[in-house]
Protein backbone atom coordinates (compact mmCIF):
# COMPACT_ATOMS: atom_id res chain seq x y z
CA MET A 1 11.65 -0.84 17.03
CA GLY A 2 9.89 2.68 17.79
CA LYS A 3 11.79 3.38 14.50
CA ILE A 4 9.46 0.70 12.53
CA LYS A 5 5.97 1.77 13.65
CA THR A 6 6.48 5.08 13.82
CA PHE A 7 6.98 4.34 9.59
CA ILE A 8 4.12 2.51 9.85
CA LYS A 9 1.64 4.95 10.87
CA GLU A 10 3.58 7.56 8.87
CA CYS A 11 2.46 5.80 5.72
CA GLY A 12 -1.06 4.75 6.98
CA ILE A 13 -0.89 8.67 7.06
CA GLU A 14 0.47 9.27 3.44
CA LEU A 15 -2.28 6.46 2.23
CA LYS A 16 -5.28 8.89 3.44
CA LYS A 17 -4.30 11.37 1.15
CA VAL A 18 -4.00 9.26 -2.09
CA VAL A 19 -6.64 10.65 -4.08
CA TRP A 20 -7.54 6.90 -5.34
CA PRO A 21 -8.78 6.72 -9.46
CA THR A 22 -12.05 6.15 -9.89
CA PHE A 23 -12.85 2.60 -12.13
CA ASP A 24 -13.67 4.66 -15.31
CA ASP A 25 -10.53 6.71 -15.09
CA VAL A 26 -8.95 3.30 -14.63
CA VAL A 27 -11.02 1.84 -17.47
CA ALA A 28 -9.72 4.82 -20.07
CA SER A 29 -6.30 4.48 -19.04
CA VAL A 30 -6.27 1.15 -19.27
CA LYS A 31 -7.65 1.62 -23.09
CA VAL A 32 -5.02 4.32 -23.72
CA VAL A 33 -2.54 1.86 -23.09
CA ILE A 34 -3.93 -1.05 -25.06
CA ILE A 35 -4.83 0.83 -28.57
CA SER A 36 -0.71 2.46 -28.04
CA THR A 37 0.79 -0.64 -27.55
CA ILE A 38 -1.15 -1.88 -30.64
CA LEU A 39 -0.34 1.44 -33.48
CA VAL A 40 2.77 1.34 -31.89
CA ALA A 41 3.32 -2.59 -32.62
CA ILE A 42 1.44 -1.58 -36.31
CA ILE A 43 3.90 1.30 -36.66
CA LEU A 44 7.59 -1.19 -35.45
CA GLY A 45 5.82 -3.98 -38.16
CA VAL A 46 5.07 -1.86 -41.06
CA LEU A 47 9.39 -0.02 -40.73
CA ASP A 48 10.24 -4.49 -39.88
CA MET A 49 8.61 -5.02 -43.54
CA VAL A 50 10.16 -2.06 -45.43
CA PHE A 51 13.18 -1.82 -43.89
CA THR A 52 13.46 -5.85 -44.82
CA TYR A 53 12.22 -5.26 -48.36
CA GLY A 54 15.41 -2.69 -49.46
CA MET A 55 17.84 -5.30 -47.88
CA ARG A 56 16.35 -7.89 -50.00
CA LEU A 57 16.91 -5.50 -52.78
CA VAL A 58 20.23 -4.21 -51.77
CA PHE A 59 21.32 -8.54 -51.26
């Protein structure tokens, strides 16, 4: 039981050292993720259309 208490105490100490991001940082990161996801989806969609068209020409 003592090890569990020590573990929880040390977790609390480590969490106090964490520098949490500001709301603006989180919003900026979310924007980057959403834009990146959309761009990758568009690129993959275009590649899929090109390969599909190419396969229809071959077969």
